[in-house]
Amino acid sequence: MNVDDDFRNARWRTVQFTHPSTLETIAMEADLKSKIKSDLESFLKAKQYYNPLGRVWKRSFLLYCPSGTGKSSFIATMANFLGYDVYDLDLSRVKDDSELKMLLLQTTSKSVILIEDLDQFFPEKSTAVSFFGILNFMDGLLNSCYAPKRESWCS
């Protein structure tokens, strides 16, 4: 899903997610692949442990690698494994932190929110979306109130 052009309504546009990457097909060391699969399976089973601790049941990843190294395929692989929706967020099209919050509220509870090229926004680049707005988007109060099963991935 992508951010729609009509930001006054701050909504997502639905696009069928049919990426073919799976844990079986992605090029990765077998040991690392096994650890990632185990981590994702543990995440899916761990909901009962989060609430008593007052924690949000979610997982965030920050992937930092050169272009063309497979970050997007890796994210698609994990989304396919989990059976989650994917939301591709282009921060350059989000006008401010308030709109970012509105977009978060419009995602499904089983979702991957992908923010590519996050490094281009900080610290030299000026943008209406703040660094703290991004942090709150990934780990803030609205995230805990609305979506207890969300993955946030930045690349």
Protein backbone atom coordinates (compact mmCIF):
# COMPACT_ATOMS: atom_id res chain seq x y z
CA MET A 1 0.00 0.00 0.00
CA ASN A 2 1.23 3.48 -0.76
CA VAL A 3 0.36 6.93 0.50
CA ASP A 4 -2.36 8.43 -1.69
CA ASP A 5 -1.85 11.79 -3.43
CA ASP A 6 -4.71 13.34 -1.47
CA PHE A 7 -3.00 14.25 1.80
CA ARG A 8 -5.96 16.25 3.07
CA ASN A 9 -7.55 12.90 3.84
CA ALA A 10 -4.22 11.28 4.77
CA ARG A 11 -5.07 7.84 3.49
CA TRP A 12 -3.37 4.83 1.97
CA ARG A 13 -3.91 3.53 -1.54
CA THR A 14 -4.26 -0.24 -1.82
CA VAL A 15 -1.93 -2.14 -4.11
CA GLN A 16 -1.97 -5.95 -4.29
CA PHE A 17 1.18 -7.27 -2.56
CA THR A 18 2.49 -10.19 -4.61
CA HIS A 19 6.24 -10.12 -4.00
CA PRO A 20 7.64 -13.62 -4.62
CA SER A 21 10.38 -13.60 -1.95
CA THR A 22 10.15 -16.28 0.72
CA LEU A 23 12.54 -17.63 3.32
CA GLU A 24 13.16 -20.54 0.98
CA THR A 25 14.07 -18.35 -2.02
CA ILE A 26 15.96 -15.41 -0.51
CA ALA A 27 19.76 -15.47 -0.84
CA MET A 28 21.12 -15.48 2.71
CA GLU A 29 23.41 -17.56 4.91
CA ALA A 30 21.50 -20.57 6.20
CA ASP A 31 22.39 -19.82 9.84
CA LEU A 32 21.19 -16.21 9.62
CA LYS A 33 18.02 -17.29 7.81
CA SER A 34 17.33 -19.80 10.58
CA LYS A 35 17.85 -17.16 13.29
CA ILE A 36 15.51 -14.73 11.55
CA LYS A 37 12.84 -17.39 11.12
CA SER A 38 13.15 -18.35 14.78
CA ASP A 39 12.93 -14.69 15.84
CA LEU A 40 9.78 -14.14 13.78
CA GLU A 41 8.18 -17.31 15.14
CA SER A 42 9.03 -16.23 18.70
CA PHE A 43 7.54 -12.81 18.01
CA LEU A 44 4.27 -14.35 16.84
CA LYS A 45 4.04 -16.51 19.98
CA ALA A 46 5.05 -13.83 22.50
CA LYS A 47 1.91 -11.69 22.76
CA GLN A 48 0.97 -12.98 26.21
CA TYR A 49 4.30 -11.80 27.63
CA TYR A 50 4.05 -8.19 26.46
CA ASN A 51 0.81 -6.97 28.06
CA PRO A 52 1.69 -7.82 31.69
CA LEU A 53 4.95 -5.91 31.20
CA GLY A 54 3.12 -2.87 29.83
CA ARG A 55 4.88 -3.22 26.48
CA VAL A 56 3.61 -3.02 22.94
CA TRP A 57 3.68 -6.27 21.02
CA LYS A 58 5.61 -5.13 17.97
CA ARG A 59 8.95 -5.43 16.31
CA SER A 60 11.08 -2.76 14.60
CA PHE A 61 14.11 -3.22 12.39
CA LEU A 62 16.58 -0.72 11.02
CA LEU A 63 18.32 -1.99 7.90
CA TYR A 64 21.29 0.03 6.75
CA CYS A 65 23.11 -1.24 3.66
CA PRO A 66 24.12 0.06 0.24
CA SER A 67 21.47 0.23 -2.47
CA GLY A 68 20.76 -2.99 -4.30
CA THR A 69 21.74 -5.37 -1.50
CA GLY A 70 18.26 -6.86 -1.04
CA LYS A 71 16.73 -4.87 1.83
CA SER A 72 13.35 -4.60 0.11
CA SER A 73 13.35 -8.30 -0.81
CA PHE A 74 14.26 -9.15 2.78
CA ILE A 75 11.36 -7.06 4.07
CA ALA A 76 8.99 -8.68 1.55
CA THR A 77 10.23 -12.10 2.69
CA MET A 78 9.42 -11.35 6.32
CA ALA A 79 6.03 -9.84 5.43
CA ASN A 80 5.17 -12.93 3.39
CA PHE A 81 6.27 -15.21 6.24
CA LEU A 82 4.12 -13.32 8.76
CA GLY A 83 1.19 -12.82 6.38
CA TYR A 84 1.23 -9.07 7.04
CA ASP A 85 0.13 -6.14 4.88
CA VAL A 86 2.93 -3.87 3.65
CA TYR A 87 2.69 -0.07 3.81
CA ASP A 88 5.38 1.79 1.86
CA LEU A 89 5.74 5.27 3.34
CA ASP A 90 7.44 8.01 1.33
CA LEU A 91 8.29 10.62 3.97
CA SER A 92 8.91 13.29 1.35
CA ARG A 93 5.16 13.26 0.66
CA VAL A 94 4.07 13.55 4.31
CA LYS A 95 3.59 17.18 5.27
CA ASP A 96 4.05 17.00 9.07
CA ASP A 97 4.07 14.85 12.22
CA SER A 98 0.29 15.12 12.57
CA GLU A 99 -0.25 13.60 9.15
CA LEU A 100 2.24 10.87 9.99
CA LYS A 101 0.15 9.96 13.06
CA MET A 102 -3.01 9.95 10.96
CA LEU A 103 -1.41 7.54 8.51
CA LEU A 104 -0.40 5.22 11.36
CA LEU A 105 -3.99 5.08 12.59
CA GLN A 106 -5.12 3.98 9.14
CA THR A 107 -2.92 0.88 8.93
CA THR A 108 -4.01 -2.63 9.79
CA SER A 109 -2.88 -4.27 13.01
CA LYS A 110 -0.94 -6.90 11.08
CA SER A 111 1.23 -4.60 9.05
CA VAL A 112 4.74 -3.82 7.97
CA ILE A 113 5.44 -0.12 7.62
CA LEU A 114 8.39 0.45 5.32
CA ILE A 115 10.23 3.77 5.33
CA GLU A 116 12.96 3.73 2.71
CA ASP A 117 15.93 6.07 2.57
CA LEU A 118 15.31 7.43 6.06
CA ASP A 119 18.86 8.75 6.22
CA GLN A 120 18.12 11.35 3.56
CA PHE A 121 15.86 13.22 5.98
CA PHE A 122 18.30 13.69 8.86
CA PRO A 123 20.15 15.71 9.96
CA GLU A 124 21.05 17.96 7.01
CA LYS A 125 17.77 17.75 5.12
CA SER A 126 14.93 19.93 6.27
CA THR A 127 11.51 18.35 6.36
CA ALA A 128 8.23 19.03 8.09
CA VAL A 129 8.37 15.53 9.56
CA SER A 130 10.68 15.63 12.57
CA PHE A 131 13.09 13.03 13.90
CA PHE A 132 10.95 12.75 17.03
CA GLY A 133 7.87 12.41 14.84
CA ILE A 134 9.49 9.35 13.24
CA LEU A 135 10.41 7.89 16.63
CA ASN A 136 6.86 8.41 17.91
CA PHE A 137 5.51 6.89 14.72
CA MET A 138 7.58 3.75 15.28
CA ASP A 139 7.25 3.46 19.04
CA GLY A 140 4.85 6.06 20.38
CA LEU A 141 1.59 6.08 22.27
CA LEU A 142 -0.63 5.74 19.21
CA ASN A 143 1.30 2.67 18.16
CA SER A 144 0.63 1.03 21.51
CA CYS A 145 -3.04 1.98 21.58
CA TYR A 146 -3.94 0.97 18.06
CA ALA A 147 -1.74 -1.72 16.63
CA PRO A 148 -0.44 -4.41 18.93
CA LYS A 149 0.93 -6.49 16.04
CA ARG A 150 2.94 -4.17 13.85
CA GLU A 151 6.38 -4.34 12.32
CA SER A 152 8.21 -1.14 11.43
CA TRP A 153 11.13 -1.38 9.07
CA CYS A 154 13.33 1.41 7.89
CA SER A 155 15.86 1.00 5.17
